[in-house]
Amino acid sequence: MFCSIYKSSKKENTYLYINKKDDFSDIPESLMTTFGMPQFVMVLKLEGRKLALADAEKVKQALATVGYYLQIPPPVTNLLEQHKAAKAELNS
């Protein structure tokens, strides 16, 4: 299975995987508005491929059922809160 990958012009480290290059017909209008102008990255063969921030099987399943897969960056760790929690745990 091949897919086309686009990066968001509005959201950093956000990518959209679709079945067919330049065919955004399965993408909800609200998502396209939030995503911004898609910037083509590459066409990728998913079989036998390990993806950096997404599970290739979940991508394939989403492409087959929904018609797209949206990859968003993991949440940013709040290092200050993490430090406070670790400090509080030591003081307990």
PDB file of N, CA and C in Angstrom:
ATOM      1  N   MET A   1       0.839  -1.180   0.000  1.00  0.00           N
ATOM      2  CA  MET A   1       0.000   0.000   0.000  1.00  0.00           C
ATOM      3  C   MET A   1       0.884   1.243   0.000  1.00  0.00           C
ATOM      4  N   PHE A   2       0.593   2.151  -0.914  1.00  0.00           N
ATOM      5  CA  PHE A   2       1.284   3.432  -0.992  1.00  0.00           C
ATOM      6  C   PHE A   2       0.390   4.524  -0.415  1.00  0.00           C
ATOM      7  N   CYS A   3       1.004   5.559   0.128  1.00  0.00           N
ATOM      8  CA  CYS A   3       0.247   6.721   0.574  1.00  0.00           C
ATOM      9  C   CYS A   3       1.070   7.970   0.286  1.00  0.00           C
ATOM     10  N   SER A   4       0.382   9.091   0.271  1.00  0.00           N
ATOM     11  CA  SER A   4       1.047  10.378   0.096  1.00  0.00           C
ATOM     12  C   SER A   4       1.020  11.105   1.427  1.00  0.00           C
ATOM     13  N   ILE A   5       2.112  11.762   1.748  1.00  0.00           N
ATOM     14  CA  ILE A   5       2.237  12.447   3.032  1.00  0.00           C
ATOM     15  C   ILE A   5       2.408  13.941   2.787  1.00  0.00           C
ATOM     16  N   TYR A   6       1.667  14.709   3.581  1.00  0.00           N
ATOM     17  CA  TYR A   6       1.708  16.169   3.501  1.00  0.00           C
ATOM     18  C   TYR A   6       1.959  16.728   4.890  1.00  0.00           C
ATOM     19  N   LYS A   7       2.714  17.820   4.960  1.00  0.00           N
ATOM     20  CA  LYS A   7       2.892  18.482   6.245  1.00  0.00           C
ATOM     21  C   LYS A   7       2.004  19.715   6.293  1.00  0.00           C
ATOM     22  N   SER A   8       1.648  20.082   7.504  1.00  0.00           N
ATOM     23  CA  SER A   8       0.765  21.226   7.717  1.00  0.00           C
ATOM     24  C   SER A   8       1.526  22.537   7.588  1.00  0.00           C
ATOM     25  N   SER A   9       0.873  23.519   7.008  1.00  0.00           N
ATOM     26  CA  SER A   9       1.469  24.851   6.926  1.00  0.00           C
ATOM     27  C   SER A   9       1.146  25.665   8.179  1.00  0.00           C
ATOM     28  N   LYS A  10       0.231  25.144   9.019  1.00  0.00           N
ATOM     29  CA  LYS A  10      -0.181  25.877  10.222  1.00  0.00           C
ATOM     30  C   LYS A  10       0.273  25.227  11.524  1.00  0.00           C
ATOM     31  N   LYS A  11       0.386  23.912  11.533  1.00  0.00           N
ATOM     32  CA  LYS A  11       0.692  23.175  12.761  1.00  0.00           C
ATOM     33  C   LYS A  11       2.038  22.470  12.620  1.00  0.00           C
ATOM     34  N   GLU A  12       2.998  22.857  13.435  1.00  0.00           N
ATOM     35  CA  GLU A  12       4.328  22.276  13.368  1.00  0.00           C
ATOM     36  C   GLU A  12       4.293  20.778  13.686  1.00  0.00           C
ATOM     37  N   ASN A  13       5.065  20.002  12.960  1.00  0.00           N
ATOM     38  CA  ASN A  13       5.194  18.547  13.140  1.00  0.00           C
ATOM     39  C   ASN A  13       3.869  17.797  13.019  1.00  0.00           C
ATOM     40  N   THR A  14       2.968  18.310  12.195  1.00  0.00           N
ATOM     41  CA  THR A  14       1.685  17.668  11.947  1.00  0.00           C
ATOM     42  C   THR A  14       1.654  17.236  10.490  1.00  0.00           C
ATOM     43  N   TYR A  15       1.305  15.955  10.280  1.00  0.00           N
ATOM     44  CA  TYR A  15       1.337  15.371   8.941  1.00  0.00           C
ATOM     45  C   TYR A  15       0.026  14.677   8.627  1.00  0.00           C
ATOM     46  N   LEU A  16      -0.340  14.704   7.366  1.00  0.00           N
ATOM     47  CA  LEU A  16      -1.563  14.077   6.879  1.00  0.00           C
ATOM     48  C   LEU A  16      -1.181  13.020   5.851  1.00  0.00           C
ATOM     49  N   TYR A  17      -1.620  11.792   6.095  1.00  0.00           N
ATOM     50  CA  TYR A  17      -1.382  10.672   5.175  1.00  0.00           C
ATOM     51  C   TYR A  17      -2.679  10.438   4.410  1.00  0.00           C
ATOM     52  N   ILE A  18      -2.608  10.380   3.088  1.00  0.00           N
ATOM     53  CA  ILE A  18      -3.798  10.129   2.276  1.00  0.00           C
ATOM     54  C   ILE A  18      -3.494   9.040   1.244  1.00  0.00           C
ATOM     55  N   ASN A  19      -4.553   8.442   0.707  1.00  0.00           N
ATOM     56  CA  ASN A  19      -4.403   7.329  -0.234  1.00  0.00           C
ATOM     57  C   ASN A  19      -3.829   7.737  -1.578  1.00  0.00           C
ATOM     58  N   LYS A  20      -4.232   8.873  -2.078  1.00  0.00           N
ATOM     59  CA  LYS A  20      -3.882   9.267  -3.442  1.00  0.00           C
ATOM     60  C   LYS A  20      -3.372  10.710  -3.443  1.00  0.00           C
ATOM     61  N   LYS A  21      -2.254  10.927  -4.097  1.00  0.00           N
ATOM     62  CA  LYS A  21      -1.641  12.259  -4.127  1.00  0.00           C
ATOM     63  C   LYS A  21      -2.636  13.311  -4.606  1.00  0.00           C
ATOM     64  N   ASP A  22      -2.706  14.391  -3.837  1.00  0.00           N
ATOM     65  CA  ASP A  22      -3.532  15.569  -4.131  1.00  0.00           C
ATOM     66  C   ASP A  22      -5.036  15.299  -4.124  1.00  0.00           C
ATOM     67  N   ASP A  23      -5.479  14.172  -3.563  1.00  0.00           N
ATOM     68  CA  ASP A  23      -6.913  13.877  -3.457  1.00  0.00           C
ATOM     69  C   ASP A  23      -7.336  14.048  -2.000  1.00  0.00           C
ATOM     70  N   PHE A  24      -7.854  15.220  -1.685  1.00  0.00           N
ATOM     71  CA  PHE A  24      -8.253  15.548  -0.318  1.00  0.00           C
ATOM     72  C   PHE A  24      -9.770  15.406  -0.123  1.00  0.00           C
ATOM     73  N   SER A  25     -10.428  14.659  -0.992  1.00  0.00           N
ATOM     74  CA  SER A  25     -11.883  14.544  -0.955  1.00  0.00           C
ATOM     75  C   SER A  25     -12.398  13.847   0.311  1.00  0.00           C
ATOM     76  N   ASP A  26     -11.590  12.997   0.955  1.00  0.00           N
ATOM     77  CA  ASP A  26     -12.015  12.305   2.177  1.00  0.00           C
ATOM     78  C   ASP A  26     -11.760  13.118   3.446  1.00  0.00           C
ATOM     79  N   ILE A  27     -11.089  14.232   3.315  1.00  0.00           N
ATOM     80  CA  ILE A  27     -10.701  15.023   4.484  1.00  0.00           C
ATOM     81  C   ILE A  27     -11.808  16.009   4.838  1.00  0.00           C
ATOM     82  N   PRO A  28     -12.277  16.006   6.111  1.00  0.00           N
ATOM     83  CA  PRO A  28     -13.305  16.972   6.523  1.00  0.00           C
ATOM     84  C   PRO A  28     -12.820  18.413   6.343  1.00  0.00           C
ATOM     85  N   GLU A  29     -13.730  19.275   5.954  1.00  0.00           N
ATOM     86  CA  GLU A  29     -13.396  20.688   5.724  1.00  0.00           C
ATOM     87  C   GLU A  29     -12.802  21.337   6.971  1.00  0.00           C
ATOM     88  N   SER A  30     -13.341  20.994   8.144  1.00  0.00           N
ATOM     89  CA  SER A  30     -12.828  21.586   9.387  1.00  0.00           C
ATOM     90  C   SER A  30     -11.372  21.198   9.628  1.00  0.00           C
ATOM     91  N   LEU A  31     -11.011  19.965   9.286  1.00  0.00           N
ATOM     92  CA  LEU A  31      -9.619  19.533   9.424  1.00  0.00           C
ATOM     93  C   LEU A  31      -8.731  20.277   8.436  1.00  0.00           C
ATOM     94  N   MET A  32      -9.190  20.423   7.207  1.00  0.00           N
ATOM     95  CA  MET A  32      -8.392  21.139   6.202  1.00  0.00           C
ATOM     96  C   MET A  32      -8.180  22.603   6.604  1.00  0.00           C
ATOM     97  N   THR A  33      -9.180  23.209   7.219  1.00  0.00           N
ATOM     98  CA  THR A  33      -9.053  24.595   7.676  1.00  0.00           C
ATOM     99  C   THR A  33      -7.991  24.699   8.766  1.00  0.00           C
ATOM    100  N   THR A  34      -8.016  23.774   9.716  1.00  0.00           N
ATOM    101  CA  THR A  34      -7.046  23.767  10.805  1.00  0.00           C
ATOM    102  C   THR A  34      -5.656  23.394  10.310  1.00  0.00           C
ATOM    103  N   PHE A  35      -5.587  22.455   9.380  1.00  0.00           N
ATOM    104  CA  PHE A  35      -4.324  21.949   8.849  1.00  0.00           C
ATOM    105  C   PHE A  35      -3.608  22.995   7.999  1.00  0.00           C
ATOM    106  N   GLY A  36      -4.386  23.798   7.287  1.00  0.00           N
ATOM    107  CA  GLY A  36      -3.793  24.794   6.399  1.00  0.00           C
ATOM    108  C   GLY A  36      -3.472  24.199   5.036  1.00  0.00           C
ATOM    109  N   MET A  37      -2.725  24.930   4.251  1.00  0.00           N
ATOM    110  CA  MET A  37      -2.350  24.479   2.913  1.00  0.00           C
ATOM    111  C   MET A  37      -1.396  23.286   3.036  1.00  0.00           C
ATOM    112  N   PRO A  38      -1.805  22.115   2.534  1.00  0.00           N
ATOM    113  CA  PRO A  38      -0.937  20.943   2.626  1.00  0.00           C
ATOM    114  C   PRO A  38       0.321  21.112   1.776  1.00  0.00           C
ATOM    115  N   GLN A  39       1.458  20.762   2.346  1.00  0.00           N
ATOM    116  CA  GLN A  39       2.726  20.838   1.634  1.00  0.00           C
ATOM    117  C   GLN A  39       3.216  19.406   1.404  1.00  0.00           C
ATOM    118  N   PHE A  40       3.284  19.011   0.135  1.00  0.00           N
ATOM    119  CA  PHE A  40       3.659  17.640  -0.210  1.00  0.00           C
ATOM    120  C   PHE A  40       5.052  17.307   0.316  1.00  0.00           C
ATOM    121  N   VAL A  41       5.154  16.121   0.948  1.00  0.00           N
ATOM    122  CA  VAL A  41       6.441  15.656   1.466  1.00  0.00           C
ATOM    123  C   VAL A  41       6.961  14.487   0.629  1.00  0.00           C
ATOM    124  N   MET A  42       6.137  13.423   0.493  1.00  0.00           N
ATOM    125  CA  MET A  42       6.590  12.247  -0.244  1.00  0.00           C
ATOM    126  C   MET A  42       5.465  11.248  -0.447  1.00  0.00           C
ATOM    127  N   VAL A  43       5.725  10.303  -1.350  1.00  0.00           N
ATOM    128  CA  VAL A  43       4.899   9.117  -1.495  1.00  0.00           C
ATOM    129  C   VAL A  43       5.678   8.002  -0.811  1.00  0.00           C
ATOM    130  N   LEU A  44       4.992   7.193  -0.013  1.00  0.00           N
ATOM    131  CA  LEU A  44       5.664   6.191   0.797  1.00  0.00           C
ATOM    132  C   LEU A  44       4.960   4.848   0.689  1.00  0.00           C
ATOM    133  N   LYS A  45       5.736   3.790   0.539  1.00  0.00           N
ATOM    134  CA  LYS A  45       5.204   2.431   0.572  1.00  0.00           C
ATOM    135  C   LYS A  45       5.181   1.994   2.034  1.00  0.00           C
ATOM    136  N   LEU A  46       4.003   1.633   2.548  1.00  0.00           N
ATOM    137  CA  LEU A  46       3.861   1.317   3.961  1.00  0.00           C
ATOM    138  C   LEU A  46       4.264  -0.110   4.327  1.00  0.00           C
ATOM    139  N   GLU A  47       4.195  -1.050   3.391  1.00  0.00           N
ATOM    140  CA  GLU A  47       4.552  -2.435   3.696  1.00  0.00           C
ATOM    141  C   GLU A  47       6.002  -2.533   4.133  1.00  0.00           C
ATOM    142  N   GLY A  48       6.214  -3.236   5.238  1.00  0.00           N
ATOM    143  CA  GLY A  48       7.562  -3.471   5.724  1.00  0.00           C
ATOM    144  C   GLY A  48       8.277  -2.233   6.218  1.00  0.00           C
ATOM    145  N   ARG A  49       7.531  -1.198   6.478  1.00  0.00           N
ATOM    146  CA  ARG A  49       8.106   0.084   6.864  1.00  0.00           C
ATOM    147  C   ARG A  49       7.814   0.362   8.331  1.00  0.00           C
ATOM    148  N   LYS A  50       8.814   0.883   9.050  1.00  0.00           N
ATOM    149  CA  LYS A  50       8.609   1.352  10.413  1.00  0.00           C
ATOM    150  C   LYS A  50       8.623   2.872  10.360  1.00  0.00           C
ATOM    151  N   LEU A  51       7.589   3.481  10.896  1.00  0.00           N
ATOM    152  CA  LEU A  51       7.490   4.937  10.885  1.00  0.00           C
ATOM    153  C   LEU A  51       7.993   5.503  12.213  1.00  0.00           C
ATOM    154  N   ALA A  52       8.517   6.702  12.177  1.00  0.00           N
ATOM    155  CA  ALA A  52       9.112   7.310  13.369  1.00  0.00           C
ATOM    156  C   ALA A  52       8.083   7.600  14.456  1.00  0.00           C
ATOM    157  N   LEU A  53       6.982   8.242  14.112  1.00  0.00           N
ATOM    158  CA  LEU A  53       6.022   8.665  15.133  1.00  0.00           C
ATOM    159  C   LEU A  53       4.626   8.089  14.958  1.00  0.00           C
ATOM    160  N   ALA A  54       4.491   7.103  14.104  1.00  0.00           N
ATOM    161  CA  ALA A  54       3.176   6.494  13.884  1.00  0.00           C
ATOM    162  C   ALA A  54       3.339   4.992  13.684  1.00  0.00           C
ATOM    163  N   ASP A  55       2.304   4.266  14.029  1.00  0.00           N
ATOM    164  CA  ASP A  55       2.276   2.825  13.821  1.00  0.00           C
ATOM    165  C   ASP A  55       1.785   2.570  12.401  1.00  0.00           C
ATOM    166  N   ALA A  56       2.603   1.933  11.576  1.00  0.00           N
ATOM    167  CA  ALA A  56       2.278   1.716  10.165  1.00  0.00           C
ATOM    168  C   ALA A  56       0.964   0.950  10.004  1.00  0.00           C
ATOM    169  N   GLU A  57       0.680   0.014  10.894  1.00  0.00           N
ATOM    170  CA  GLU A  57      -0.580  -0.742  10.812  1.00  0.00           C
ATOM    171  C   GLU A  57      -1.784   0.154  11.086  1.00  0.00           C
ATOM    172  N   LYS A  58      -1.654   1.063  12.038  1.00  0.00           N
ATOM    173  CA  LYS A  58      -2.747   2.008  12.328  1.00  0.00           C
ATOM    174  C   LYS A  58      -2.955   2.965  11.159  1.00  0.00           C
ATOM    175  N   VAL A  59      -1.865   3.360  10.532  1.00  0.00           N
ATOM    176  CA  VAL A  59      -1.955   4.236   9.360  1.00  0.00           C
ATOM    177  C   VAL A  59      -2.704   3.519   8.245  1.00  0.00           C
ATOM    178  N   LYS A  60      -2.310   2.264   7.967  1.00  0.00           N
ATOM    179  CA  LYS A  60      -2.969   1.490   6.906  1.00  0.00           C
ATOM    180  C   LYS A  60      -4.449   1.288   7.217  1.00  0.00           C
ATOM    181  N   GLN A  61      -4.771   0.990   8.467  1.00  0.00           N
ATOM    182  CA  GLN A  61      -6.169   0.783   8.854  1.00  0.00           C
ATOM    183  C   GLN A  61      -6.980   2.068   8.679  1.00  0.00           C
ATOM    184  N   ALA A  62      -6.427   3.191   9.100  1.00  0.00           N
ATOM    185  CA  ALA A  62      -7.124   4.468   8.960  1.00  0.00           C
ATOM    186  C   ALA A  62      -7.317   4.828   7.487  1.00  0.00           C
ATOM    187  N   LEU A  63      -6.301   4.594   6.673  1.00  0.00           N
ATOM    188  CA  LEU A  63      -6.419   4.888   5.245  1.00  0.00           C
ATOM    189  C   LEU A  63      -7.516   4.036   4.603  1.00  0.00           C
ATOM    190  N   ALA A  64      -7.631   2.778   5.036  1.00  0.00           N
ATOM    191  CA  ALA A  64      -8.634   1.875   4.458  1.00  0.00           C
ATOM    192  C   ALA A  64     -10.047   2.195   4.931  1.00  0.00           C
ATOM    193  N   THR A  65     -10.189   2.656   6.170  1.00  0.00           N
ATOM    194  CA  THR A  65     -11.527   2.885   6.722  1.00  0.00           C
ATOM    195  C   THR A  65     -11.995   4.335   6.631  1.00  0.00           C
ATOM    196  N   VAL A  66     -11.122   5.256   6.985  1.00  0.00           N
ATOM    197  CA  VAL A  66     -11.497   6.676   7.029  1.00  0.00           C
ATOM    198  C   VAL A  66     -11.047   7.423   5.781  1.00  0.00           C
ATOM    199  N   GLY A  67      -9.947   6.974   5.191  1.00  0.00           N
ATOM    200  CA  GLY A  67      -9.426   7.630   3.992  1.00  0.00           C
ATOM    201  C   GLY A  67      -8.259   8.559   4.250  1.00  0.00           C
ATOM    202  N   TYR A  68      -7.895   8.714   5.535  1.00  0.00           N
ATOM    203  CA  TYR A  68      -6.743   9.552   5.879  1.00  0.00           C
ATOM    204  C   TYR A  68      -6.245   9.189   7.272  1.00  0.00           C
ATOM    205  N   TYR A  69      -5.036   9.617   7.574  1.00  0.00           N
ATOM    206  CA  TYR A  69      -4.465   9.458   8.915  1.00  0.00           C
ATOM    207  C   TYR A  69      -3.797  10.772   9.269  1.00  0.00           C
ATOM    208  N   LEU A  70      -4.113  11.305  10.425  1.00  0.00           N
ATOM    209  CA  LEU A  70      -3.521  12.556  10.888  1.00  0.00           C
ATOM    210  C   LEU A  70      -2.492  12.242  11.963  1.00  0.00           C
ATOM    211  N   GLN A  71      -1.253  12.635  11.722  1.00  0.00           N
ATOM    212  CA  GLN A  71      -0.177  12.438  12.690  1.00  0.00           C
ATOM    213  C   GLN A  71       0.102  13.762  13.367  1.00  0.00           C
ATOM    214  N   ILE A  72      -0.129  13.798  14.674  1.00  0.00           N
ATOM    215  CA  ILE A  72       0.142  15.011  15.439  1.00  0.00           C
ATOM    216  C   ILE A  72       1.330  14.749  16.351  1.00  0.00           C
ATOM    217  N   PRO A  73       2.064  15.796  16.719  1.00  0.00           N
ATOM    218  CA  PRO A  73       3.239  15.583  17.566  1.00  0.00           C
ATOM    219  C   PRO A  73       2.817  15.162  18.974  1.00  0.00           C
ATOM    220  N   PRO A  74       3.694  14.420  19.662  1.00  0.00           N
ATOM    221  CA  PRO A  74       3.376  14.055  21.039  1.00  0.00           C
ATOM    222  C   PRO A  74       3.329  15.316  21.899  1.00  0.00           C
ATOM    223  N   PRO A  75       2.594  15.261  23.012  1.00  0.00           N
ATOM    224  CA  PRO A  75       2.507  16.455  23.870  1.00  0.00           C
ATOM    225  C   PRO A  75       3.890  16.833  24.413  1.00  0.00           C
ATOM    226  N   VAL A  76       4.085  18.118  24.589  1.00  0.00           N
ATOM    227  CA  VAL A  76       5.340  18.634  25.126  1.00  0.00           C
ATOM    228  C   VAL A  76       5.363  18.378  26.628  1.00  0.00           C
ATOM    229  N   THR A  77       6.465  17.838  27.108  1.00  0.00           N
ATOM    230  CA  THR A  77       6.611  17.574  28.533  1.00  0.00           C
ATOM    231  C   THR A  77       6.896  18.874  29.267  1.00  0.00           C
ATOM    232  N   ASN A  78       6.127  19.123  30.323  1.00  0.00           N
ATOM    233  CA  ASN A  78       6.360  20.296  31.149  1.00  0.00           C
ATOM    234  C   ASN A  78       7.444  19.936  32.153  1.00  0.00           C
ATOM    235  N   LEU A  79       8.662  20.339  31.866  1.00  0.00           N
ATOM    236  CA  LEU A  79       9.800  19.956  32.695  1.00  0.00           C
ATOM    237  C   LEU A  79       9.727  20.554  34.093  1.00  0.00           C
ATOM    238  N   LEU A  80       9.158  21.747  34.234  1.00  0.00           N
ATOM    239  CA  LEU A  80       9.030  22.368  35.549  1.00  0.00           C
ATOM    240  C   LEU A  80       8.095  21.538  36.426  1.00  0.00           C
ATOM    241  N   GLU A  81       6.944  21.146  35.892  1.00  0.00           N
ATOM    242  CA  GLU A  81       5.998  20.329  36.653  1.00  0.00           C
ATOM    243  C   GLU A  81       6.609  18.966  36.976  1.00  0.00           C
ATOM    244  N   GLN A  82       7.347  18.407  36.047  1.00  0.00           N
ATOM    245  CA  GLN A  82       8.004  17.124  36.267  1.00  0.00           C
ATOM    246  C   GLN A  82       9.030  17.250  37.396  1.00  0.00           C
ATOM    247  N   HIS A  83       9.772  18.335  37.410  1.00  0.00           N
ATOM    248  CA  HIS A  83      10.770  18.583  38.454  1.00  0.00           C
ATOM    249  C   HIS A  83      10.090  18.762  39.809  1.00  0.00           C
ATOM    250  N   LYS A  84       9.013  19.540  39.851  1.00  0.00           N
ATOM    251  CA  LYS A  84       8.285  19.763  41.111  1.00  0.00           C
ATOM    252  C   LYS A  84       7.736  18.452  41.660  1.00  0.00           C
ATOM    253  N   ALA A  85       7.202  17.615  40.797  1.00  0.00           N
ATOM    254  CA  ALA A  85       6.655  16.336  41.232  1.00  0.00           C
ATOM    255  C   ALA A  85       7.749  15.428  41.776  1.00  0.00           C
ATOM    256  N   ALA A  86       8.887  15.404  41.115  1.00  0.00           N
ATOM    257  CA  ALA A  86      10.005  14.582  41.580  1.00  0.00           C
ATOM    258  C   ALA A  86      10.527  15.087  42.918  1.00  0.00           C
ATOM    259  N   LYS A  87      10.589  16.397  43.069  1.00  0.00           N
ATOM    260  CA  LYS A  87      11.054  16.995  44.314  1.00  0.00           C
ATOM    261  C   LYS A  87      10.080  16.707  45.456  1.00  0.00           C
ATOM    262  N   ALA A  88       8.783  16.819  45.170  1.00  0.00           N
ATOM    263  CA  ALA A  88       7.758  16.536  46.177  1.00  0.00           C
ATOM    264  C   ALA A  88       7.815  15.077  46.601  1.00  0.00           C
ATOM    265  N   GLU A  89       8.088  14.198  45.644  1.00  0.00           N
ATOM    266  CA  GLU A  89       8.177  12.759  45.951  1.00  0.00           C
ATOM    267  C   GLU A  89       9.374  12.475  46.862  1.00  0.00           C
ATOM    268  N   LEU A  90      10.480  13.177  46.632  1.00  0.00           N
ATOM    269  CA  LEU A  90      11.671  12.995  47.481  1.00  0.00           C
ATOM    270  C   LEU A  90      11.419  13.496  48.893  1.00  0.00           C
ATOM    271  N   ASN A  91      10.644  14.565  49.021  1.00  0.00           N
ATOM    272  CA  ASN A  91      10.368  15.157  50.323  1.00  0.00           C
ATOM    273  C   ASN A  91       9.293  14.416  51.108  1.00  0.00           C
ATOM    274  N   SER A  92       8.617  13.457  50.474  1.00  0.00           N
ATOM    275  CA  SER A  92       7.545  12.727  51.153  1.00  0.00           C
ATOM    276  C   SER A  92       8.076  11.670  52.072  1.00  0.00           C
TER     277      SER A  92
END
